[in-house]
Every structure is written in C-alpha cells, then in structure tokens.
C-alpha cells in the first residue's frame, strides 16, 4: 500500500535539501499518517489517514 491518505489522497512531497555549501540532494517529505479504526460505509475498518483529516473531523472514529 502506498504512503497516501485514504481520505484526501495526500501523499509524499519531493524537493531538495540544500546545505550551507549549496549542495543539493533529493529527498521526500512523507504525509503524517496514522492508522485508525474508522467507520467507512457503515462498517468498521482500519484506514491510513493523515492527521489533518483527523483534526478537521473528516474521519469518524469507531468506538
């Protein structure tokens, strides 16, 4: 499974890390994902969700 939020689709961002000597190397910043038990389509399921979706209330956690 990819490193991607199952609600909003947020995935990794790519860019350069630039040192003081201006040496650039590629790296990636992953989304802050959490594995939670949520109600999806009336059933409880374990999904990978980013913390932005959790905080904004786009995911209803299963009790």
Protein backbone atom coordinates (compact mmCIF):
# COMPACT_ATOMS: atom_id res chain seq x y z
CA UNK A 1 0.00 0.00 0.00
CA UNK A 2 1.28 3.45 -0.88
CA UNK A 3 2.14 6.11 1.69
CA UNK A 4 -1.07 8.05 0.97
CA UNK A 5 -4.08 9.29 2.96
CA UNK A 6 -7.19 7.25 2.14
CA UNK A 7 -9.50 10.24 2.68
CA UNK A 8 -7.90 13.23 0.95
CA UNK A 9 -5.22 11.48 -1.12
CA UNK A 10 -2.33 13.47 0.35
CA UNK A 11 0.97 11.77 -0.47
CA UNK A 12 4.69 12.47 -0.26
CA UNK A 13 6.18 15.77 -1.42
CA UNK A 14 9.54 15.90 -3.16
CA UNK A 15 12.23 18.54 -3.15
CA UNK A 16 15.82 19.39 -2.39
CA UNK A 17 17.70 19.67 0.87
CA UNK A 18 20.20 22.47 0.38
CA UNK A 19 23.24 22.66 2.65
CA UNK A 20 25.17 25.79 3.62
CA UNK A 21 27.66 24.89 0.87
CA UNK A 22 24.69 24.91 -1.56
CA UNK A 23 24.94 21.15 -2.13
CA UNK A 24 21.50 19.94 -3.16
CA UNK A 25 20.25 16.40 -2.71
CA UNK A 26 16.81 14.99 -3.35
CA UNK A 27 14.56 13.90 -0.51
CA UNK A 28 10.91 13.35 0.21
CA UNK A 29 8.62 14.58 2.93
CA UNK A 30 6.00 11.97 3.82
CA UNK A 31 2.50 12.84 4.95
CA UNK A 32 1.86 12.43 8.68
CA UNK A 33 -0.28 9.27 8.54
CA UNK A 34 -1.95 7.42 11.40
CA UNK A 35 -3.62 4.02 11.27
CA UNK A 36 -7.06 4.37 12.87
CA UNK A 37 -10.21 2.30 13.17
CA UNK A 38 -12.89 4.35 11.44
CA UNK A 39 -16.45 3.92 10.26
CA UNK A 40 -16.37 3.62 6.46
CA UNK A 41 -19.63 2.88 4.67
CA UNK A 42 -21.32 1.77 7.89
CA UNK A 43 -18.61 -0.76 8.71
CA UNK A 44 -15.56 -0.53 10.96
CA UNK A 45 -12.31 -0.58 9.04
CA UNK A 46 -8.65 0.18 9.68
CA UNK A 47 -7.55 3.04 7.42
CA UNK A 48 -4.42 5.15 6.99
CA UNK A 49 -5.43 8.78 7.49
CA UNK A 50 -3.38 11.98 7.66
CA UNK A 51 -3.55 13.99 10.87
CA UNK A 52 -5.11 16.94 9.03
CA UNK A 53 -8.16 14.82 8.18
CA UNK A 54 -8.34 13.53 11.76
CA UNK A 55 -8.25 17.02 13.27
CA UNK A 56 -10.74 18.50 10.81
CA UNK A 57 -13.33 15.80 11.51
CA UNK A 58 -13.38 14.25 8.05
CA UNK A 59 -12.99 10.80 9.66
CA UNK A 60 -15.45 9.31 12.16
CA UNK A 61 -13.56 7.08 14.55
CA UNK A 62 -15.08 3.72 15.50
CA UNK A 63 -15.78 3.22 19.19
